[in-house]
Amino acid sequence: MTNKLLAVTQKDLKLLYRDKGGFFFTFIFPIIMAVFFGSMMSGSGGIKGISLQVVDADQSVISKAFVDKLDAAAELKVVLSDEATARETVRKGKAAAYLILPKGFGEAKGNLFSGKTATVQLGVDPKRSAIKGLLQGVLMSYAAEDMQSAFTDTSKMSTQIDKSLAEVRQARDSGELGDNDKTDRLLDFLDNLQEMVATDSFNNTSNSNENSAGNTADENTSEENEFNGFQPLIIETQAITVNRDGPPSGYDVSFPQGILWGILGCLSAFSLSLVSERNQGTLSRLLVSSANRSTILAGKALACFLTIIFIAVSLLLLGKLVFGIQIRQPDLMVVSLVAIGFCFSGLMILFSVISKSEKAASGITWAAMMLMAMAGGGMIPLAFMPAWMTPVSQFSPVKWSILALEGPMWRQFSLIEMLPVVGVLFGIGLVSFLLGVRLFKWQSSST
């Protein structure tokens, strides 16, 4: 019995190796899929749509306008949030950065002559530090754009100057400003500026001074430092300790998918072999040699099981050594691979006995596999599937197989969490195998 079982297994493994097309789609094609999609998901994808969590703690008209400006920026993908959620989202690596507009932001930004500069807090994911300078540049650019707009709008300028004059005089009268000389100079500057704005000569003066600004820069340096309110924005960066719950890289998502495509190719190759042997008379010769039907099917299932394990282990080793994928729980991975191999070996037996011709078997097998792959995360990663597909995916063994692979890799499933997953896989494999044996015996007895 054992010798006959091993003989059938060895025969099927040799046939798979000799079938160049089947060998390619079983071993080479999955590697191409895993590397291709992993590269797509791991790449930077350009410098557009940077995910930015924005917290508007000021809730002023000016702060809301600034948030709207950032939201319309092509470089950013803004999500409004509260401070705790924003920090946690970036800490888990689900967003590139967060931006906090603190209380007082609108007041400082809206009054150019108050001596205060609007301040924001920026936190950037350390693993995406390359975009830190880009974000700072984008923020400064839009803040400077607002400042330029304020300078060219004389009505706004006049209102801001009046407000600043009132605040400076009140501070001087209350004794808050210690240096009266600097205060007097500031008041004189604001009075003169207000007179220029009122006579509409400010824009002409500022334009004519652009050419001579470089010649007088050194002379005016000390005075400019006294009035730092003309700086568009102060960006305070904050340190972040990252804790990622998701996959470390795109390859940790794509390699389970690649493994499943290899398994589906293996399922197709072995399913067709039984139909081919039945039509060519090889199956009849095996039955005449006293090998019963259960032994033949068990031998084919064992060959398929061993091939699936080999595919999975080979791809996992390739991913770990070359692309740095992680297997945090090797012991649970062993259990997962056994469950996956058992599941698809059983499905192979079922698919191999429901068709009488090779064309019918090929069509039925690939149609079923495509449906399982589409619904189960073989084409779209489970994490990115739309909500309506979640209930449908429960019926796909591909979905449970990908979960069984991702669990020990980056989802960090406990043994209790893994039991339902592997239980479903073992259940599908057992039911499929028993149903396949039943159909095979019925077909043999009726012919």
Protein backbone atom coordinates (compact mmCIF):
# COMPACT_ATOMS: atom_id res chain seq x y z
CA MET A 1 0.00 0.00 0.00
CA THR A 2 2.71 2.50 1.03
CA ASN A 3 4.96 1.59 -1.93
CA LYS A 4 2.10 2.06 -4.37
CA LEU A 5 1.19 5.39 -2.80
CA LEU A 6 4.79 6.64 -3.09
CA ALA A 7 5.06 5.33 -6.66
CA VAL A 8 2.01 7.35 -7.74
CA THR A 9 3.39 10.40 -5.96
CA GLN A 10 6.80 10.08 -7.62
CA LYS A 11 5.20 9.63 -11.04
CA ASP A 12 3.14 12.83 -10.72
CA LEU A 13 6.12 14.88 -9.55
CA LYS A 14 8.13 13.74 -12.58
CA LEU A 15 5.26 14.59 -14.91
CA LEU A 16 5.04 18.10 -13.45
CA TYR A 17 8.77 18.64 -13.93
CA ARG A 18 8.63 17.49 -17.55
CA ASP A 19 5.69 19.80 -18.32
CA LYS A 20 7.61 23.03 -19.10
CA GLY A 21 4.49 25.20 -19.25
CA GLY A 22 3.14 23.82 -15.98
CA PHE A 23 6.57 24.20 -14.37
CA PHE A 24 6.77 27.86 -15.45
CA PHE A 25 3.33 28.82 -14.11
CA THR A 26 3.88 26.83 -10.92
CA PHE A 27 7.37 28.06 -9.97
CA ILE A 28 8.52 31.05 -12.09
CA PHE A 29 5.30 33.01 -12.66
CA PRO A 30 4.58 33.43 -8.89
CA ILE A 31 8.04 34.96 -8.36
CA ILE A 32 7.43 37.46 -11.18
CA MET A 33 4.04 38.40 -9.69
CA ALA A 34 5.43 38.81 -6.15
CA VAL A 35 8.39 40.96 -7.22
CA PHE A 36 6.35 43.08 -9.65
CA PHE A 37 3.52 43.97 -7.26
CA GLY A 38 5.92 44.28 -4.34
CA SER A 39 7.96 46.82 -6.27
CA MET A 40 4.82 48.77 -7.13
CA MET A 41 3.65 48.92 -3.52
CA SER A 42 7.10 49.64 -2.09
CA GLY A 43 8.01 52.42 -4.49
CA SER A 44 7.67 56.05 -3.58
CA GLY A 45 5.30 56.62 -6.46
CA GLY A 46 6.48 60.19 -6.99
CA ILE A 47 6.15 63.23 -4.76
CA LYS A 48 2.42 63.77 -4.88
CA GLY A 49 -0.44 63.00 -2.58
CA ILE A 50 1.63 62.94 0.64
CA SER A 51 -0.74 61.79 3.38
CA LEU A 52 -0.93 64.59 5.97
CA GLN A 53 -3.03 64.47 9.14
CA VAL A 54 -4.06 68.05 9.96
CA VAL A 55 -5.24 69.20 13.39
CA ASP A 56 -6.85 72.65 13.51
CA ALA A 57 -6.76 73.45 17.23
CA ASP A 58 -7.26 77.18 16.54
CA GLN A 59 -10.57 76.88 14.67
CA SER A 60 -10.35 80.46 13.45
CA VAL A 61 -11.34 81.83 10.05
CA ILE A 62 -7.68 82.22 9.11
CA SER A 63 -6.69 78.71 10.25
CA LYS A 64 -9.61 77.15 8.36
CA ALA A 65 -8.63 79.08 5.23
CA PHE A 66 -5.06 77.81 5.54
CA VAL A 67 -6.29 74.22 5.93
CA ASP A 68 -8.47 74.64 2.83
CA LYS A 69 -5.44 75.89 0.90
CA LEU A 70 -3.43 72.83 1.95
CA ASP A 71 -6.33 70.54 1.08
CA ALA A 72 -6.40 71.95 -2.45
CA ALA A 73 -2.65 71.44 -2.88
CA ALA A 74 -1.68 68.74 -5.38
CA GLU A 75 1.33 67.77 -3.24
CA LEU A 76 -0.78 66.82 -0.23
CA LYS A 77 -3.58 64.47 0.73
CA VAL A 78 -5.09 66.17 3.78
CA VAL A 79 -7.14 64.34 6.40
CA LEU A 80 -8.65 66.40 9.22
CA SER A 81 -8.15 64.76 12.60
CA ASP A 82 -7.78 65.34 16.32
CA GLU A 83 -4.32 65.52 17.87
CA ALA A 84 -4.31 62.09 19.52
CA THR A 85 -5.50 60.31 16.38
CA ALA A 86 -3.07 62.22 14.17
CA ARG A 87 -0.06 61.33 16.30
CA GLU A 88 -1.12 57.68 16.56
CA THR A 89 -1.76 57.39 12.82
CA VAL A 90 1.73 58.64 11.99
CA ARG A 91 3.27 56.57 14.79
CA LYS A 92 1.78 53.43 13.24
CA GLY A 93 3.08 54.40 9.80
CA LYS A 94 -0.39 54.85 8.29
CA ALA A 95 0.27 58.50 7.38
CA ALA A 96 3.43 60.30 6.33
CA ALA A 97 3.12 63.26 8.71
CA TYR A 98 0.85 65.34 10.89
CA LEU A 99 0.47 69.12 11.14
CA ILE A 100 -0.95 70.91 14.19
CA LEU A 101 -2.21 74.49 13.99
CA PRO A 102 -2.16 75.53 17.68
CA LYS A 103 -4.39 78.10 19.36
CA GLY A 104 -3.34 81.61 18.40
CA PHE A 105 -2.30 80.57 14.91
CA GLY A 106 -4.93 82.72 13.20
CA GLU A 107 -4.23 85.77 15.37
CA ALA A 108 -0.48 85.63 14.71
CA LYS A 109 -0.88 84.93 11.01
CA GLY A 110 -3.56 87.56 10.53
CA ASN A 111 -1.57 90.43 12.04
CA LEU A 112 1.65 91.02 10.15
CA PHE A 113 2.84 93.84 12.40
CA SER A 114 2.27 92.33 15.84
CA GLY A 115 5.85 91.09 16.11
CA LYS A 116 4.50 87.52 16.39
CA THR A 117 4.94 84.76 13.83
CA ALA A 118 2.42 81.99 13.25
CA THR A 119 3.79 78.69 14.53
CA VAL A 120 2.85 75.14 13.50
CA GLN A 121 3.97 71.74 14.75
CA LEU A 122 5.08 69.14 12.20
CA GLY A 123 5.67 65.47 12.90
CA VAL A 124 7.09 63.25 10.13
CA ASP A 125 7.38 59.46 10.00
CA PRO A 126 11.14 58.80 10.47
CA LYS A 127 11.08 56.18 7.69
CA ARG A 128 9.83 58.88 5.30
CA SER A 129 12.31 61.54 6.37
CA ALA A 130 13.03 62.34 2.72
CA ILE A 131 9.71 64.17 2.49
CA LYS A 132 10.39 66.30 5.59
CA GLY A 133 12.12 69.06 3.62
CA LEU A 134 9.45 68.88 0.93
CA LEU A 135 6.66 69.36 3.48
CA GLN A 136 8.46 72.27 5.08
CA GLY A 137 8.91 73.86 1.66
CA VAL A 138 5.24 73.40 0.78
CA LEU A 139 4.07 74.90 4.09
CA MET A 140 6.42 77.89 3.82
CA SER A 141 5.39 78.43 0.20
CA TYR A 142 1.67 78.66 0.96
CA ALA A 143 2.27 80.75 4.09
CA ALA A 144 4.40 83.17 2.06
CA GLU A 145 1.71 83.24 -0.62
CA ASP A 146 -0.82 84.37 1.99
CA MET A 147 1.59 87.03 3.27
CA GLN A 148 2.19 88.34 -0.26
CA SER A 149 -1.57 88.51 -0.79
CA ALA A 150 -1.96 90.51 2.43
CA PHE A 151 0.71 93.00 1.37
CA THR A 152 -0.88 93.60 -2.02
CA ASP A 153 -4.40 94.05 -0.61
CA THR A 154 -4.37 97.66 0.68
CA SER A 155 -7.66 97.35 2.55
CA LYS A 156 -6.42 94.36 4.52
CA MET A 157 -3.07 96.05 5.03
CA SER A 158 -4.71 99.18 6.44
CA THR A 159 -6.86 97.15 8.83
CA GLN A 160 -3.85 95.19 10.09
CA ILE A 161 -1.79 98.35 10.60
CA ASP A 162 -4.59 100.01 12.61
CA LYS A 163 -4.87 96.89 14.75
CA SER A 164 -1.12 96.75 15.31
CA LEU A 165 -0.94 100.45 16.23
CA ALA A 166 -3.65 100.00 18.82
CA GLU A 167 -1.95 96.94 20.32
CA VAL A 168 1.49 98.58 20.49
CA ARG A 169 0.12 101.76 22.09
CA GLN A 170 -1.83 99.75 24.64
CA ALA A 171 1.27 97.69 25.47
CA ARG A 172 3.38 100.87 25.80
CA ASP A 173 0.86 102.57 28.09
CA SER A 174 0.62 99.48 30.31
CA GLY A 175 4.41 99.27 30.63
CA GLU A 176 4.71 95.86 28.91
CA LEU A 177 7.28 97.21 26.42
CA GLY A 178 10.49 98.08 28.25
CA ASP A 179 12.51 99.74 25.49
CA ASN A 180 10.71 103.02 24.66
CA ASP A 181 13.11 103.83 21.81
CA LYS A 182 12.25 100.62 19.96
CA THR A 183 8.57 101.19 20.67
CA ASP A 184 8.68 104.72 19.31
CA ARG A 185 10.53 103.54 16.20
CA LEU A 186 7.94 100.82 15.64
CA LEU A 187 5.09 103.32 16.03
CA ASP A 188 6.75 105.74 13.61
CA PHE A 189 7.26 102.91 11.13
CA LEU A 190 3.61 101.85 11.34
CA ASP A 191 2.35 105.47 11.07
CA ASN A 192 4.47 106.08 7.97
CA LEU A 193 3.36 102.75 6.47
CA GLN A 194 -0.28 103.58 7.11
CA GLU A 195 0.15 106.93 5.38
CA MET A 196 1.73 105.21 2.38
CA VAL A 197 -1.09 102.66 2.18
CA ALA A 198 -3.69 105.41 2.50
CA THR A 199 -2.15 107.31 -0.43
CA ASP A 200 -1.88 104.03 -2.45
CA SER A 201 1.86 104.54 -2.86
CA PHE A 202 2.92 101.45 -0.93
CA ASN A 203 2.87 99.05 -3.89
CA ASN A 204 4.80 101.47 -6.09
CA THR A 205 7.40 102.00 -3.38
CA SER A 206 7.79 98.30 -2.67
CA ASN A 207 8.20 97.52 -6.36
CA SER A 208 10.84 100.20 -6.89
CA ASN A 209 12.75 99.03 -3.85
CA GLU A 210 13.05 95.45 -5.11
CA ASN A 211 16.01 96.37 -7.30
CA SER A 212 17.86 98.22 -4.55
CA ALA A 213 17.11 95.77 -1.75
CA GLY A 214 20.41 93.96 -2.19
CA ASN A 215 22.46 97.16 -1.81
CA THR A 216 20.91 98.08 1.54
CA ALA A 217 20.54 94.60 3.07
CA ASP A 218 23.53 94.89 5.41
CA GLU A 219 22.46 98.33 6.64
CA ASN A 220 18.96 97.18 7.57
CA THR A 221 19.83 93.79 9.12
CA SER A 222 19.65 94.97 12.73
CA GLU A 223 16.29 96.67 12.23
CA GLU A 224 14.78 93.63 10.46
CA ASN A 225 15.76 91.39 13.36
CA GLU A 226 13.77 93.66 15.68
CA PHE A 227 10.56 92.97 13.74
CA ASN A 228 10.52 89.26 12.97
CA GLY A 229 6.79 89.22 12.33
CA PHE A 230 7.42 89.24 8.60
CA GLN A 231 8.61 85.62 8.66
CA PRO A 232 5.84 83.61 6.94
CA LEU A 233 5.81 80.67 9.34
CA ILE A 234 7.71 78.97 12.13
CA ILE A 235 7.71 75.17 11.77
CA GLU A 236 8.47 73.22 14.93
CA THR A 237 9.37 69.61 14.15
CA GLN A 238 8.52 66.88 16.63
CA ALA A 239 10.15 63.50 17.16
CA ILE A 240 8.07 60.38 16.55
CA THR A 241 8.63 56.84 17.77
CA VAL A 242 7.16 54.61 15.09
CA ASN A 243 5.15 51.48 15.87
CA ARG A 244 3.88 49.81 12.72
CA ASP A 245 0.96 47.37 12.90
CA GLY A 246 0.85 46.97 9.13
CA PRO A 247 3.23 45.25 6.74
CA PRO A 248 6.81 46.59 6.86
CA SER A 249 6.98 46.74 3.06
CA GLY A 250 5.02 46.00 -0.08
CA TYR A 251 6.85 42.70 -0.46
CA ASP A 252 5.29 41.44 2.79
CA VAL A 253 1.92 41.86 1.04
CA SER A 254 2.88 40.69 -2.45
CA PHE A 255 4.74 37.50 -1.55
CA PRO A 256 1.71 35.78 0.08
CA GLN A 257 -0.17 36.68 -3.10
CA GLY A 258 2.67 35.25 -5.21
CA ILE A 259 2.65 32.03 -3.18
CA LEU A 260 -1.09 31.65 -3.77
CA TRP A 261 -0.68 32.13 -7.52
CA GLY A 262 1.96 29.39 -7.49
CA ILE A 263 -0.40 27.14 -5.55
CA LEU A 264 -3.23 27.82 -8.00
CA GLY A 265 -0.91 26.90 -10.87
CA CYS A 266 -0.01 23.71 -9.06
CA LEU A 267 -3.70 22.93 -8.49
CA SER A 268 -4.40 23.36 -12.21
CA ALA A 269 -1.48 21.16 -13.29
CA PHE A 270 -2.38 18.26 -11.01
CA SER A 271 -6.13 18.54 -11.74
CA LEU A 272 -5.48 18.13 -15.46
CA SER A 273 -3.14 15.18 -14.92
CA LEU A 274 -5.86 12.87 -13.63
CA VAL A 275 -8.21 13.72 -16.53
CA SER A 276 -5.34 13.18 -18.99
CA GLU A 277 -4.40 9.82 -17.46
CA ARG A 278 -8.01 8.69 -17.52
CA ASN A 279 -8.37 9.56 -21.22
CA GLN A 280 -5.00 8.01 -22.16
CA GLY A 281 -5.67 4.75 -20.31
CA THR A 282 -2.94 5.25 -17.70
CA LEU A 283 -5.53 5.21 -14.93
CA SER A 284 -6.89 1.85 -16.09
CA ARG A 285 -3.41 0.33 -16.01
CA LEU A 286 -2.93 1.63 -12.46
CA LEU A 287 -6.21 0.04 -11.39
CA VAL A 288 -5.24 -3.26 -13.03
CA SER A 289 -1.96 -3.21 -11.07
CA SER A 290 -4.08 -3.68 -7.91
CA ALA A 291 -3.76 -0.04 -6.83
CA ASN A 292 -7.23 0.90 -5.60
CA ARG A 293 -8.94 4.24 -6.35
CA SER A 294 -8.33 5.72 -2.89
CA THR A 295 -4.61 4.95 -3.13
CA ILE A 296 -4.36 6.61 -6.54
CA LEU A 297 -6.12 9.76 -5.33
CA ALA A 298 -4.14 9.84 -2.10
CA GLY A 299 -0.88 9.53 -4.07
CA LYS A 300 -1.85 12.44 -6.30
CA ALA A 301 -2.92 14.49 -3.29
CA LEU A 302 0.43 13.80 -1.58
CA ALA A 303 2.36 14.85 -4.69
CA CYS A 304 0.31 18.04 -4.89
CA PHE A 305 0.79 18.67 -1.15
CA LEU A 306 4.58 18.30 -1.37
CA THR A 307 4.74 20.59 -4.40
CA ILE A 308 2.68 23.26 -2.60
CA ILE A 309 4.98 23.11 0.42
CA PHE A 310 8.02 23.38 -1.83
CA ILE A 311 6.57 26.41 -3.67
CA ALA A 312 5.68 28.20 -0.44
CA VAL A 313 8.99 27.53 1.30
CA SER A 314 11.01 28.53 -1.78
CA LEU A 315 9.19 31.83 -2.18
CA LEU A 316 9.36 32.62 1.53
CA LEU A 317 13.11 31.99 1.56
CA LEU A 318 13.56 34.12 -1.57
CA GLY A 319 11.51 36.92 -0.05
CA LYS A 320 13.43 36.82 3.22
CA LEU A 321 16.92 36.63 1.75
CA VAL A 322 16.49 39.03 -1.17
CA PHE A 323 13.60 41.36 -0.30
CA GLY A 324 13.74 41.36 3.51
CA ILE A 325 10.25 40.05 4.27
CA GLN A 326 9.75 39.02 7.89
CA ILE A 327 8.46 35.80 9.41
CA ARG A 328 7.95 36.70 13.05
CA GLN A 329 6.39 33.36 14.10
CA PRO A 330 8.08 30.44 12.25
CA ASP A 331 6.27 27.78 14.29
CA LEU A 332 2.86 29.11 13.27
CA MET A 333 4.07 29.41 9.69
CA VAL A 334 4.70 25.66 9.62
CA VAL A 335 1.12 25.03 10.75
CA SER A 336 -0.16 27.46 8.13
CA LEU A 337 1.74 25.81 5.29
CA VAL A 338 0.46 22.36 6.25
CA ALA A 339 -3.13 23.68 6.38
CA ILE A 340 -2.79 25.44 3.02
CA GLY A 341 -1.23 22.36 1.39
CA PHE A 342 -3.98 20.13 2.75
CA CYS A 343 -6.72 22.53 1.60
CA PHE A 344 -5.58 22.87 -2.01
CA SER A 345 -4.66 19.19 -2.34
CA GLY A 346 -8.25 18.37 -1.46
CA LEU A 347 -9.54 20.95 -3.93
CA MET A 348 -7.28 19.47 -6.60
CA ILE A 349 -8.86 16.06 -6.14
CA LEU A 350 -12.35 17.55 -6.41
CA PHE A 351 -11.57 19.57 -9.55
CA SER A 352 -9.85 16.60 -11.20
CA VAL A 353 -12.91 14.33 -11.05
CA ILE A 354 -15.73 16.71 -12.03
CA SER A 355 -14.66 16.96 -15.69
CA LYS A 356 -14.37 14.29 -18.35
CA SER A 357 -12.20 16.17 -20.86
CA GLU A 358 -8.99 18.14 -20.46
CA LYS A 359 -10.53 21.27 -21.98
CA ALA A 360 -13.48 21.13 -19.60
CA ALA A 361 -11.18 20.51 -16.64
CA SER A 362 -8.94 23.42 -17.64
CA GLY A 363 -11.89 25.80 -18.07
CA ILE A 364 -13.60 24.82 -14.83
CA THR A 365 -10.39 24.88 -12.81
CA TRP A 366 -9.19 28.27 -14.02
CA ALA A 367 -12.66 29.82 -13.77
CA ALA A 368 -12.95 28.65 -10.16
CA MET A 369 -9.39 29.78 -9.36
CA MET A 370 -9.94 33.25 -10.86
CA LEU A 371 -13.10 33.72 -8.81
CA MET A 372 -11.31 32.55 -5.67
CA ALA A 373 -8.36 34.86 -6.39
CA MET A 374 -10.50 37.92 -7.14
CA ALA A 375 -12.67 37.50 -4.05
CA GLY A 376 -9.94 36.31 -1.74
CA GLY A 377 -7.19 38.92 -2.11
CA GLY A 378 -5.11 37.24 -4.79
CA MET A 379 -5.45 40.29 -7.04
CA ILE A 380 -6.30 43.10 -4.62
CA PRO A 381 -4.61 42.89 -1.19
CA LEU A 382 -7.06 42.14 1.61
CA ALA A 383 -6.13 45.41 3.34
CA PHE A 384 -7.21 47.44 0.27
CA MET A 385 -10.38 45.57 -0.66
CA PRO A 386 -13.64 47.59 -0.62
CA ALA A 387 -16.04 46.93 2.24
CA TRP A 388 -18.66 45.19 0.09
CA MET A 389 -16.18 42.48 -0.91
CA THR A 390 -15.42 41.48 2.68
CA PRO A 391 -18.47 39.17 3.10
CA VAL A 392 -17.83 37.60 -0.33
CA SER A 393 -14.21 36.87 0.51
CA GLN A 394 -15.27 34.65 3.42
CA PHE A 395 -16.12 31.90 0.90
CA SER A 396 -12.72 31.94 -0.82
CA PRO A 397 -9.95 29.56 0.33
CA VAL A 398 -7.50 32.10 -1.14
CA LYS A 399 -8.59 34.63 1.48
CA TRP A 400 -8.03 32.16 4.35
CA SER A 401 -4.70 31.07 2.87
CA ILE A 402 -3.41 34.65 2.62
CA LEU A 403 -4.50 35.27 6.21
CA ALA A 404 -2.71 32.08 7.23
CA LEU A 405 0.50 33.40 5.61
CA GLU A 406 0.18 37.00 6.81
CA GLY A 407 -0.66 35.94 10.37
CA PRO A 408 2.85 34.66 11.23
CA MET A 409 4.51 37.27 9.01
CA TRP A 410 3.26 40.73 10.02
CA ARG A 411 -0.25 40.46 11.46
CA GLN A 412 1.26 38.76 14.54
CA PHE A 413 -1.71 36.43 15.12
CA SER A 414 -1.74 34.49 18.35
CA LEU A 415 -2.35 30.74 18.36
CA ILE A 416 -5.98 31.36 19.32
CA GLU A 417 -6.39 33.75 16.38
CA MET A 418 -4.76 31.26 13.99
CA LEU A 419 -6.98 28.31 14.96
CA PRO A 420 -10.12 29.48 13.07
CA VAL A 421 -8.04 30.27 9.98
CA VAL A 422 -6.28 26.91 9.75
CA GLY A 423 -9.51 25.18 10.85
CA VAL A 424 -11.33 26.56 7.80
CA LEU A 425 -8.49 25.44 5.50
CA PHE A 426 -8.41 21.92 6.92
CA GLY A 427 -12.20 21.77 6.67
CA ILE A 428 -12.25 22.82 3.01
CA GLY A 429 -9.51 20.32 2.17
CA LEU A 430 -11.19 17.42 3.96
CA VAL A 431 -14.64 18.01 2.49
CA SER A 432 -13.21 18.48 -1.01
CA PHE A 433 -11.08 15.32 -0.78
CA LEU A 434 -13.92 13.12 0.50
CA LEU A 435 -16.33 14.49 -2.08
CA GLY A 436 -13.74 13.94 -4.81
CA VAL A 437 -13.14 10.33 -3.75
CA ARG A 438 -16.89 9.74 -3.67
CA LEU A 439 -17.39 11.14 -7.18
CA PHE A 440 -14.38 9.24 -8.51
CA LYS A 441 -15.66 5.90 -7.21
CA TRP A 442 -19.13 6.61 -8.60
CA GLN A 443 -17.74 7.52 -12.03
CA SER A 444 -15.52 4.40 -12.10
CA SER A 445 -18.36 2.08 -11.12
CA SER A 446 -20.70 3.54 -13.74
CA THR A 447 -18.25 3.06 -16.62
